[in-house]
mmCIF file of all heavy atoms, coordinates in Angstrom:
data_MODEL
# 
_entry.id   MODEL 
# 
loop_
_atom_site.group_PDB 
_atom_site.id 
_atom_site.type_symbol 
_atom_site.label_atom_id 
_atom_site.label_alt_id 
_atom_site.label_comp_id 
_atom_site.label_asym_id 
_atom_site.label_entity_id 
_atom_site.label_seq_id 
_atom_site.pdbx_PDB_ins_code 
_atom_site.Cartn_x 
_atom_site.Cartn_y 
_atom_site.Cartn_z 
_atom_site.occupancy 
_atom_site.B_iso_or_equiv 
_atom_site.pdbx_formal_charge 
_atom_site.auth_seq_id 
_atom_site.auth_comp_id 
_atom_site.auth_asym_id 
_atom_site.auth_atom_id 
_atom_site.pdbx_PDB_model_num 
ATOM 1   N N   . ALA A 1 1  ? 10.300 -31.170 6.356  1.00 0.00 ? 1  ALA A N   1 
ATOM 2   C CA  . ALA A 1 1  ? 9.546  -32.296 5.845  1.00 0.00 ? 1  ALA A CA  1 
ATOM 3   C C   . ALA A 1 1  ? 8.289  -31.832 5.047  1.00 0.00 ? 1  ALA A C   1 
ATOM 4   O O   . ALA A 1 1  ? 7.765  -32.401 4.221  1.00 0.00 ? 1  ALA A O   1 
ATOM 5   C CB  . ALA A 1 1  ? 9.087  -33.189 7.037  1.00 0.00 ? 1  ALA A CB  1 
ATOM 6   N N   . LEU A 1 2  ? 7.616  -30.875 5.750  1.00 0.00 ? 2  LEU A N   1 
ATOM 7   C CA  . LEU A 1 2  ? 6.367  -30.238 5.176  1.00 0.00 ? 2  LEU A CA  1 
ATOM 8   C C   . LEU A 1 2  ? 6.665  -29.631 3.615  1.00 0.00 ? 2  LEU A C   1 
ATOM 9   O O   . LEU A 1 2  ? 5.910  -29.891 2.799  1.00 0.00 ? 2  LEU A O   1 
ATOM 10  C CB  . LEU A 1 2  ? 5.776  -29.145 6.134  1.00 0.00 ? 2  LEU A CB  1 
ATOM 11  C CG  . LEU A 1 2  ? 4.480  -28.419 5.598  1.00 0.00 ? 2  LEU A CG  1 
ATOM 12  C CD1 . LEU A 1 2  ? 3.374  -29.418 5.425  1.00 0.00 ? 2  LEU A CD1 1 
ATOM 13  C CD2 . LEU A 1 2  ? 4.170  -27.341 6.518  1.00 0.00 ? 2  LEU A CD2 1 
ATOM 14  N N   . ALA A 1 3  ? 7.754  -28.922 3.644  1.00 0.00 ? 3  ALA A N   1 
ATOM 15  C CA  . ALA A 1 3  ? 8.090  -28.261 2.404  1.00 0.00 ? 3  ALA A CA  1 
ATOM 16  C C   . ALA A 1 3  ? 8.370  -29.340 1.279  1.00 0.00 ? 3  ALA A C   1 
ATOM 17  O O   . ALA A 1 3  ? 7.868  -29.214 0.130  1.00 0.00 ? 3  ALA A O   1 
ATOM 18  C CB  . ALA A 1 3  ? 9.442  -27.438 2.521  1.00 0.00 ? 3  ALA A CB  1 
ATOM 19  N N   . GLN A 1 4  ? 9.127  -30.380 1.621  1.00 0.00 ? 4  GLN A N   1 
ATOM 20  C CA  . GLN A 1 4  ? 9.227  -31.520 0.691  1.00 0.00 ? 4  GLN A CA  1 
ATOM 21  C C   . GLN A 1 4  ? 7.972  -32.129 0.210  1.00 0.00 ? 4  GLN A C   1 
ATOM 22  O O   . GLN A 1 4  ? 7.779  -32.444 -0.857 1.00 0.00 ? 4  GLN A O   1 
ATOM 23  C CB  . GLN A 1 4  ? 10.188 -32.536 1.319  1.00 0.00 ? 4  GLN A CB  1 
ATOM 24  C CG  . GLN A 1 4  ? 10.619 -33.567 0.203  1.00 0.00 ? 4  GLN A CG  1 
ATOM 25  C CD  . GLN A 1 4  ? 11.426 -34.738 0.858  1.00 0.00 ? 4  GLN A CD  1 
ATOM 26  O OE1 . GLN A 1 4  ? 11.048 -35.280 1.896  1.00 0.00 ? 4  GLN A OE1 1 
ATOM 27  N NE2 . GLN A 1 4  ? 12.466 -35.166 0.192  1.00 0.00 ? 4  GLN A NE2 1 
ATOM 28  N N   . ALA A 1 5  ? 7.029  -32.353 1.199  1.00 0.00 ? 5  ALA A N   1 
ATOM 29  C CA  . ALA A 1 5  ? 5.766  -32.962 0.869  1.00 0.00 ? 5  ALA A CA  1 
ATOM 30  C C   . ALA A 1 5  ? 4.934  -32.038 -0.116 1.00 0.00 ? 5  ALA A C   1 
ATOM 31  O O   . ALA A 1 5  ? 4.248  -32.473 -0.947 1.00 0.00 ? 5  ALA A O   1 
ATOM 32  C CB  . ALA A 1 5  ? 4.913  -33.219 2.232  1.00 0.00 ? 5  ALA A CB  1 
ATOM 33  N N   . VAL A 1 6  ? 5.005  -30.671 0.243  1.00 0.00 ? 6  VAL A N   1 
ATOM 34  C CA  . VAL A 1 6  ? 4.221  -29.623 -0.696 1.00 0.00 ? 6  VAL A CA  1 
ATOM 35  C C   . VAL A 1 6  ? 4.816  -29.691 -2.089 1.00 0.00 ? 6  VAL A C   1 
ATOM 36  O O   . VAL A 1 6  ? 4.024  -29.606 -3.006 1.00 0.00 ? 6  VAL A O   1 
ATOM 37  C CB  . VAL A 1 6  ? 4.354  -28.331 -0.072 1.00 0.00 ? 6  VAL A CB  1 
ATOM 38  C CG1 . VAL A 1 6  ? 3.871  -27.217 -1.017 1.00 0.00 ? 6  VAL A CG1 1 
ATOM 39  C CG2 . VAL A 1 6  ? 3.568  -28.267 1.257  1.00 0.00 ? 6  VAL A CG2 1 
ATOM 40  N N   . VAL A 1 7  ? 6.154  -29.752 -2.196 1.00 0.00 ? 7  VAL A N   1 
ATOM 41  C CA  . VAL A 1 7  ? 6.793  -29.712 -3.505 1.00 0.00 ? 7  VAL A CA  1 
ATOM 42  C C   . VAL A 1 7  ? 6.397  -31.060 -4.308 1.00 0.00 ? 7  VAL A C   1 
ATOM 43  O O   . VAL A 1 7  ? 6.121  -31.024 -5.479 1.00 0.00 ? 7  VAL A O   1 
ATOM 44  C CB  . VAL A 1 7  ? 8.304  -29.621 -3.450 1.00 0.00 ? 7  VAL A CB  1 
ATOM 45  C CG1 . VAL A 1 7  ? 8.978  -29.918 -4.774 1.00 0.00 ? 7  VAL A CG1 1 
ATOM 46  C CG2 . VAL A 1 7  ? 8.610  -28.190 -2.829 1.00 0.00 ? 7  VAL A CG2 1 
ATOM 47  N N   . LYS A 1 8  ? 6.374  -32.206 -3.512 1.00 0.00 ? 8  LYS A N   1 
ATOM 48  C CA  . LYS A 1 8  ? 5.917  -33.381 -4.189 1.00 0.00 ? 8  LYS A CA  1 
ATOM 49  C C   . LYS A 1 8  ? 4.484  -33.464 -4.755 1.00 0.00 ? 8  LYS A C   1 
ATOM 50  O O   . LYS A 1 8  ? 4.259  -34.111 -5.604 1.00 0.00 ? 8  LYS A O   1 
ATOM 51  C CB  . LYS A 1 8  ? 6.103  -34.614 -3.045 1.00 0.00 ? 8  LYS A CB  1 
ATOM 52  C CG  . LYS A 1 8  ? 7.674  -34.951 -2.994 1.00 0.00 ? 8  LYS A CG  1 
ATOM 53  C CD  . LYS A 1 8  ? 7.769  -36.215 -2.105 1.00 0.00 ? 8  LYS A CD  1 
ATOM 54  C CE  . LYS A 1 8  ? 9.217  -36.626 -1.929 1.00 0.00 ? 8  LYS A CE  1 
ATOM 55  N NZ  . LYS A 1 8  ? 9.330  -37.754 -0.963 1.00 0.00 ? 8  LYS A NZ  1 
ATOM 56  N N   . LEU A 1 9  ? 3.646  -32.505 -4.115 1.00 0.00 ? 9  LEU A N   1 
ATOM 57  C CA  . LEU A 1 9  ? 2.347  -32.456 -4.514 1.00 0.00 ? 9  LEU A CA  1 
ATOM 58  C C   . LEU A 1 9  ? 2.165  -31.574 -5.744 1.00 0.00 ? 9  LEU A C   1 
ATOM 59  O O   . LEU A 1 9  ? 1.073  -31.398 -6.357 1.00 0.00 ? 9  LEU A O   1 
ATOM 60  C CB  . LEU A 1 9  ? 1.434  -31.854 -3.409 1.00 0.00 ? 9  LEU A CB  1 
ATOM 61  C CG  . LEU A 1 9  ? 1.148  -32.834 -2.196 1.00 0.00 ? 9  LEU A CG  1 
ATOM 62  C CD1 . LEU A 1 9  ? 0.385  -32.095 -1.034 1.00 0.00 ? 9  LEU A CD1 1 
ATOM 63  C CD2 . LEU A 1 9  ? 0.253  -33.972 -2.717 1.00 0.00 ? 9  LEU A CD2 1 
ATOM 64  N N   . GLY A 1 10 ? 3.391  -30.937 -6.229 1.00 0.00 ? 10 GLY A N   1 
ATOM 65  C CA  . GLY A 1 10 ? 3.364  -30.254 -7.570 1.00 0.00 ? 10 GLY A CA  1 
ATOM 66  C C   . GLY A 1 10 ? 3.284  -28.650 -7.322 1.00 0.00 ? 10 GLY A C   1 
ATOM 67  O O   . GLY A 1 10 ? 3.140  -27.884 -8.264 1.00 0.00 ? 10 GLY A O   1 
ATOM 68  N N   . TYR A 1 11 ? 3.375  -28.286 -5.959 1.00 0.00 ? 11 TYR A N   1 
ATOM 69  C CA  . TYR A 1 11 ? 3.320  -26.893 -5.724 1.00 0.00 ? 11 TYR A CA  1 
ATOM 70  C C   . TYR A 1 11 ? 4.731  -26.188 -5.672 1.00 0.00 ? 11 TYR A C   1 
ATOM 71  O O   . TYR A 1 11 ? 5.699  -26.930 -5.313 1.00 0.00 ? 11 TYR A O   1 
ATOM 72  C CB  . TYR A 1 11 ? 2.730  -26.438 -4.263 1.00 0.00 ? 11 TYR A CB  1 
ATOM 73  C CG  . TYR A 1 11 ? 1.215  -26.859 -4.188 1.00 0.00 ? 11 TYR A CG  1 
ATOM 74  C CD1 . TYR A 1 11 ? 0.855  -28.041 -3.728 1.00 0.00 ? 11 TYR A CD1 1 
ATOM 75  C CD2 . TYR A 1 11 ? 0.262  -25.946 -4.591 1.00 0.00 ? 11 TYR A CD2 1 
ATOM 76  C CE1 . TYR A 1 11 ? -0.548 -28.437 -3.543 1.00 0.00 ? 11 TYR A CE1 1 
ATOM 77  C CE2 . TYR A 1 11 ? -1.072 -26.323 -4.590 1.00 0.00 ? 11 TYR A CE2 1 
ATOM 78  C CZ  . TYR A 1 11 ? -1.453 -27.520 -4.048 1.00 0.00 ? 11 TYR A CZ  1 
ATOM 79  O OH  . TYR A 1 11 ? -2.752 -27.832 -3.994 1.00 0.00 ? 11 TYR A OH  1 
ATOM 80  N N   . ALA A 1 12 ? 4.957  -24.964 -6.253 1.00 0.00 ? 12 ALA A N   1 
ATOM 81  C CA  . ALA A 1 12 ? 6.208  -24.262 -6.075 1.00 0.00 ? 12 ALA A CA  1 
ATOM 82  C C   . ALA A 1 12 ? 6.154  -23.539 -4.827 1.00 0.00 ? 12 ALA A C   1 
ATOM 83  O O   . ALA A 1 12 ? 5.128  -23.052 -4.455 1.00 0.00 ? 12 ALA A O   1 
ATOM 84  C CB  . ALA A 1 12 ? 6.381  -23.365 -7.268 1.00 0.00 ? 12 ALA A CB  1 
ATOM 85  N N   . ILE A 1 13 ? 7.352  -23.352 -4.142 1.00 0.00 ? 13 ILE A N   1 
ATOM 86  C CA  . ILE A 1 13 ? 7.405  -22.721 -2.850 1.00 0.00 ? 13 ILE A CA  1 
ATOM 87  C C   . ILE A 1 13 ? 8.378  -21.579 -2.953 1.00 0.00 ? 13 ILE A C   1 
ATOM 88  O O   . ILE A 1 13 ? 9.353  -21.648 -3.784 1.00 0.00 ? 13 ILE A O   1 
ATOM 89  C CB  . ILE A 1 13 ? 7.697  -23.611 -1.649 1.00 0.00 ? 13 ILE A CB  1 
ATOM 90  C CG1 . ILE A 1 13 ? 9.080  -24.278 -1.895 1.00 0.00 ? 13 ILE A CG1 1 
ATOM 91  C CG2 . ILE A 1 13 ? 6.581  -24.660 -1.494 1.00 0.00 ? 13 ILE A CG2 1 
ATOM 92  C CD1 . ILE A 1 13 ? 9.552  -25.050 -0.700 1.00 0.00 ? 13 ILE A CD1 1 
ATOM 93  N N   . ARG A 1 14 ? 8.197  -20.592 -2.117 1.00 0.00 ? 14 ARG A N   1 
ATOM 94  C CA  . ARG A 1 14 ? 9.239  -19.549 -1.962 1.00 0.00 ? 14 ARG A CA  1 
ATOM 95  C C   . ARG A 1 14 ? 9.744  -19.480 -0.453 1.00 0.00 ? 14 ARG A C   1 
ATOM 96  O O   . ARG A 1 14 ? 8.920  -19.409 0.455  1.00 0.00 ? 14 ARG A O   1 
ATOM 97  C CB  . ARG A 1 14 ? 8.740  -18.184 -2.420 1.00 0.00 ? 14 ARG A CB  1 
ATOM 98  C CG  . ARG A 1 14 ? 7.431  -17.731 -1.801 1.00 0.00 ? 14 ARG A CG  1 
ATOM 99  C CD  . ARG A 1 14 ? 7.008  -16.340 -2.287 1.00 0.00 ? 14 ARG A CD  1 
ATOM 100 N NE  . ARG A 1 14 ? 5.753  -15.961 -1.696 1.00 0.00 ? 14 ARG A NE  1 
ATOM 101 C CZ  . ARG A 1 14 ? 4.587  -16.017 -2.292 1.00 0.00 ? 14 ARG A CZ  1 
ATOM 102 N NH1 . ARG A 1 14 ? 4.471  -16.752 -3.522 1.00 0.00 ? 14 ARG A NH1 1 
ATOM 103 N NH2 . ARG A 1 14 ? 3.474  -15.670 -1.747 1.00 0.00 ? 14 ARG A NH2 1 
ATOM 104 N N   . HIS A 1 15 ? 11.021 -19.613 -0.450 1.00 0.00 ? 15 HIS A N   1 
ATOM 105 C CA  . HIS A 1 15 ? 11.622 -19.717 0.937  1.00 0.00 ? 15 HIS A CA  1 
ATOM 106 C C   . HIS A 1 15 ? 11.625 -18.254 1.451  1.00 0.00 ? 15 HIS A C   1 
ATOM 107 O O   . HIS A 1 15 ? 12.233 -17.334 0.897  1.00 0.00 ? 15 HIS A O   1 
ATOM 108 C CB  . HIS A 1 15 ? 13.043 -20.236 0.710  1.00 0.00 ? 15 HIS A CB  1 
ATOM 109 C CG  . HIS A 1 15 ? 13.798 -20.639 1.865  1.00 0.00 ? 15 HIS A CG  1 
ATOM 110 N ND1 . HIS A 1 15 ? 14.995 -21.116 1.928  1.00 0.00 ? 15 HIS A ND1 1 
ATOM 111 C CD2 . HIS A 1 15 ? 13.324 -20.565 3.269  1.00 0.00 ? 15 HIS A CD2 1 
ATOM 112 C CE1 . HIS A 1 15 ? 15.429 -21.366 3.205  1.00 0.00 ? 15 HIS A CE1 1 
ATOM 113 N NE2 . HIS A 1 15 ? 14.455 -21.071 4.008  1.00 0.00 ? 15 HIS A NE2 1 
ATOM 114 N N   . THR A 1 16 ? 11.086 -18.064 2.738  1.00 0.00 ? 16 THR A N   1 
ATOM 115 C CA  . THR A 1 16 ? 10.935 -16.713 3.234  1.00 0.00 ? 16 THR A CA  1 
ATOM 116 C C   . THR A 1 16 ? 11.863 -16.460 4.506  1.00 0.00 ? 16 THR A C   1 
ATOM 117 O O   . THR A 1 16 ? 12.183 -15.355 4.746  1.00 0.00 ? 16 THR A O   1 
ATOM 118 C CB  . THR A 1 16 ? 9.497  -16.449 3.631  1.00 0.00 ? 16 THR A CB  1 
ATOM 119 O OG1 . THR A 1 16 ? 9.128  -17.375 4.691  1.00 0.00 ? 16 THR A OG1 1 
ATOM 120 C CG2 . THR A 1 16 ? 8.663  -16.458 2.403  1.00 0.00 ? 16 THR A CG2 1 
ATOM 121 N N   . HIS A 1 17 ? 12.209 -17.576 5.186  1.00 0.00 ? 17 HIS A N   1 
ATOM 122 C CA  . HIS A 1 17 ? 13.039 -17.264 6.415  1.00 0.00 ? 17 HIS A CA  1 
ATOM 123 C C   . HIS A 1 17 ? 13.981 -18.447 6.637  1.00 0.00 ? 17 HIS A C   1 
ATOM 124 O O   . HIS A 1 17 ? 13.802 -19.536 6.083  1.00 0.00 ? 17 HIS A O   1 
ATOM 125 C CB  . HIS A 1 17 ? 11.978 -17.281 7.797  1.00 0.00 ? 17 HIS A CB  1 
ATOM 126 C CG  . HIS A 1 17 ? 11.081 -16.164 7.764  1.00 0.00 ? 17 HIS A CG  1 
ATOM 127 N ND1 . HIS A 1 17 ? 9.979  -16.142 6.968  1.00 0.00 ? 17 HIS A ND1 1 
ATOM 128 C CD2 . HIS A 1 17 ? 11.120 -15.053 8.486  1.00 0.00 ? 17 HIS A CD2 1 
ATOM 129 C CE1 . HIS A 1 17 ? 9.262  -15.002 7.196  1.00 0.00 ? 17 HIS A CE1 1 
ATOM 130 N NE2 . HIS A 1 17 ? 9.960  -14.313 8.139  1.00 0.00 ? 17 HIS A NE2 1 
ATOM 131 N N   . GLY A 1 18 ? 15.062 -18.154 7.364  1.00 0.00 ? 18 GLY A N   1 
ATOM 132 C CA  . GLY A 1 18 ? 16.192 -19.136 7.558  1.00 0.00 ? 18 GLY A CA  1 
ATOM 133 C C   . GLY A 1 18 ? 15.742 -20.254 8.423  1.00 0.00 ? 18 GLY A C   1 
ATOM 134 O O   . GLY A 1 18 ? 16.418 -21.309 8.485  1.00 0.00 ? 18 GLY A O   1 
ATOM 135 N N   . ASP A 1 19 ? 14.686 -20.144 9.121  1.00 0.00 ? 19 ASP A N   1 
ATOM 136 C CA  . ASP A 1 19 ? 14.172 -21.259 9.966  1.00 0.00 ? 19 ASP A CA  1 
ATOM 137 C C   . ASP A 1 19 ? 13.276 -22.186 9.294  1.00 0.00 ? 19 ASP A C   1 
ATOM 138 O O   . ASP A 1 19 ? 12.611 -23.173 9.863  1.00 0.00 ? 19 ASP A O   1 
ATOM 139 C CB  . ASP A 1 19 ? 13.469 -20.729 11.255 1.00 0.00 ? 19 ASP A CB  1 
ATOM 140 C CG  . ASP A 1 19 ? 12.214 -19.929 11.000 1.00 0.00 ? 19 ASP A CG  1 
ATOM 141 O OD1 . ASP A 1 19 ? 11.876 -19.829 9.761  1.00 0.00 ? 19 ASP A OD1 1 
ATOM 142 O OD2 . ASP A 1 19 ? 11.650 -19.421 11.896 1.00 0.00 ? 19 ASP A OD2 1 
ATOM 143 N N   . GLY A 1 20 ? 13.261 -22.149 7.888  1.00 0.00 ? 20 GLY A N   1 
ATOM 144 C CA  . GLY A 1 20 ? 12.456 -23.097 7.085  1.00 0.00 ? 20 GLY A CA  1 
ATOM 145 C C   . GLY A 1 20 ? 11.052 -22.629 6.712  1.00 0.00 ? 20 GLY A C   1 
ATOM 146 O O   . GLY A 1 20 ? 10.307 -23.358 6.118  1.00 0.00 ? 20 GLY A O   1 
ATOM 147 N N   . ARG A 1 21 ? 10.628 -21.525 7.115  1.00 0.00 ? 21 ARG A N   1 
ATOM 148 C CA  . ARG A 1 21 ? 9.212  -20.962 6.870  1.00 0.00 ? 21 ARG A CA  1 
ATOM 149 C C   . ARG A 1 21 ? 9.324  -20.710 5.362  1.00 0.00 ? 21 ARG A C   1 
ATOM 150 O O   . ARG A 1 21 ? 10.268 -20.246 4.830  1.00 0.00 ? 21 ARG A O   1 
ATOM 151 C CB  . ARG A 1 21 ? 8.916  -19.759 7.650  1.00 0.00 ? 21 ARG A CB  1 
ATOM 152 C CG  . ARG A 1 21 ? 8.400  -20.056 9.030  1.00 0.00 ? 21 ARG A CG  1 
ATOM 153 C CD  . ARG A 1 21 ? 8.171  -18.821 9.821  1.00 0.00 ? 21 ARG A CD  1 
ATOM 154 N NE  . ARG A 1 21 ? 9.361  -18.107 10.325 1.00 0.00 ? 21 ARG A NE  1 
ATOM 155 C CZ  . ARG A 1 21 ? 9.409  -16.955 10.810 1.00 0.00 ? 21 ARG A CZ  1 
ATOM 156 N NH1 . ARG A 1 21 ? 8.321  -16.226 11.010 1.00 0.00 ? 21 ARG A NH1 1 
ATOM 157 N NH2 . ARG A 1 21 ? 10.550 -16.395 11.350 1.00 0.00 ? 21 ARG A NH2 1 
ATOM 158 N N   . PHE A 1 22 ? 8.180  -20.990 4.781  1.00 0.00 ? 22 PHE A N   1 
ATOM 159 C CA  . PHE A 1 22 ? 8.014  -20.787 3.266  1.00 0.00 ? 22 PHE A CA  1 
ATOM 160 C C   . PHE A 1 22 ? 6.626  -20.452 2.988  1.00 0.00 ? 22 PHE A C   1 
ATOM 161 O O   . PHE A 1 22 ? 5.678  -20.606 3.802  1.00 0.00 ? 22 PHE A O   1 
ATOM 162 C CB  . PHE A 1 22 ? 8.486  -22.184 2.459  1.00 0.00 ? 22 PHE A CB  1 
ATOM 163 C CG  . PHE A 1 22 ? 7.480  -23.281 2.820  1.00 0.00 ? 22 PHE A CG  1 
ATOM 164 C CD1 . PHE A 1 22 ? 6.472  -23.637 1.969  1.00 0.00 ? 22 PHE A CD1 1 
ATOM 165 C CD2 . PHE A 1 22 ? 7.755  -24.182 3.835  1.00 0.00 ? 22 PHE A CD2 1 
ATOM 166 C CE1 . PHE A 1 22 ? 5.560  -24.693 2.279  1.00 0.00 ? 22 PHE A CE1 1 
ATOM 167 C CE2 . PHE A 1 22 ? 6.976  -25.211 4.095  1.00 0.00 ? 22 PHE A CE2 1 
ATOM 168 C CZ  . PHE A 1 22 ? 5.792  -25.510 3.347  1.00 0.00 ? 22 PHE A CZ  1 
ATOM 169 N N   . GLU A 1 23 ? 6.281  -20.024 1.745  1.00 0.00 ? 23 GLU A N   1 
ATOM 170 C CA  . GLU A 1 23 ? 4.863  -19.773 1.306  1.00 0.00 ? 23 GLU A CA  1 
ATOM 171 C C   . GLU A 1 23 ? 4.820  -20.446 -0.063 1.00 0.00 ? 23 GLU A C   1 
ATOM 172 O O   . GLU A 1 23 ? 5.754  -20.823 -0.833 1.00 0.00 ? 23 GLU A O   1 
ATOM 173 C CB  . GLU A 1 23 ? 4.765  -18.229 1.053  1.00 0.00 ? 23 GLU A CB  1 
ATOM 174 C CG  . GLU A 1 23 ? 4.932  -17.405 2.335  1.00 0.00 ? 23 GLU A CG  1 
ATOM 175 C CD  . GLU A 1 23 ? 4.998  -15.918 2.188  1.00 0.00 ? 23 GLU A CD  1 
ATOM 176 O OE1 . GLU A 1 23 ? 5.078  -15.468 1.036  1.00 0.00 ? 23 GLU A OE1 1 
ATOM 177 O OE2 . GLU A 1 23 ? 5.050  -15.223 3.165  1.00 0.00 ? 23 GLU A OE2 1 
ATOM 178 N N   . ILE A 1 24 ? 3.592  -20.683 -0.500 1.00 0.00 ? 24 ILE A N   1 
ATOM 179 C CA  . ILE A 1 24 ? 3.203  -21.319 -1.745 1.00 0.00 ? 24 ILE A CA  1 
ATOM 180 C C   . ILE A 1 24 ? 3.182  -20.281 -2.975 1.00 0.00 ? 24 ILE A C   1 
ATOM 181 O O   . ILE A 1 24 ? 2.554  -19.298 -2.721 1.00 0.00 ? 24 ILE A O   1 
ATOM 182 C CB  . ILE A 1 24 ? 1.892  -22.149 -1.652 1.00 0.00 ? 24 ILE A CB  1 
ATOM 183 C CG1 . ILE A 1 24 ? 2.080  -23.277 -0.789 1.00 0.00 ? 24 ILE A CG1 1 
ATOM 184 C CG2 . ILE A 1 24 ? 1.558  -22.624 -3.096 1.00 0.00 ? 24 ILE A CG2 1 
ATOM 185 C CD1 . ILE A 1 24 ? 0.899  -24.129 -0.482 1.00 0.00 ? 24 ILE A CD1 1 
ATOM 186 N N   . GLU A 1 25 ? 3.868  -20.431 -4.006 1.00 0.00 ? 25 GLU A N   1 
ATOM 187 C CA  . GLU A 1 25 ? 3.902  -19.616 -5.061 1.00 0.00 ? 25 GLU A CA  1 
ATOM 188 C C   . GLU A 1 25 ? 2.473  -19.467 -5.670 1.00 0.00 ? 25 GLU A C   1 
ATOM 189 O O   . GLU A 1 25 ? 1.727  -20.517 -5.828 1.00 0.00 ? 25 GLU A O   1 
ATOM 190 C CB  . GLU A 1 25 ? 4.791  -19.891 -6.220 1.00 0.00 ? 25 GLU A CB  1 
ATOM 191 C CG  . GLU A 1 25 ? 6.280  -19.880 -5.798 1.00 0.00 ? 25 GLU A CG  1 
ATOM 192 C CD  . GLU A 1 25 ? 6.811  -18.380 -5.901 1.00 0.00 ? 25 GLU A CD  1 
ATOM 193 O OE1 . GLU A 1 25 ? 5.941  -17.488 -6.226 1.00 0.00 ? 25 GLU A OE1 1 
ATOM 194 O OE2 . GLU A 1 25 ? 8.046  -18.156 -5.682 1.00 0.00 ? 25 GLU A OE2 1 
ATOM 195 N N   . GLY A 1 26 ? 1.869  -18.290 -6.018 1.00 0.00 ? 26 GLY A N   1 
ATOM 196 C CA  . GLY A 1 26 ? 0.538  -18.132 -6.458 1.00 0.00 ? 26 GLY A CA  1 
ATOM 197 C C   . GLY A 1 26 ? -0.383 -17.548 -5.515 1.00 0.00 ? 26 GLY A C   1 
ATOM 198 O O   . GLY A 1 26 ? -1.390 -17.258 -5.875 1.00 0.00 ? 26 GLY A O   1 
# 
């Protein structure tokens, strides 16, 4: 849910772990 909200704000994300952890590109 957090990843989807971050993407909707215009940020690109990179998927880092199978449990849904991610980082913001840049």
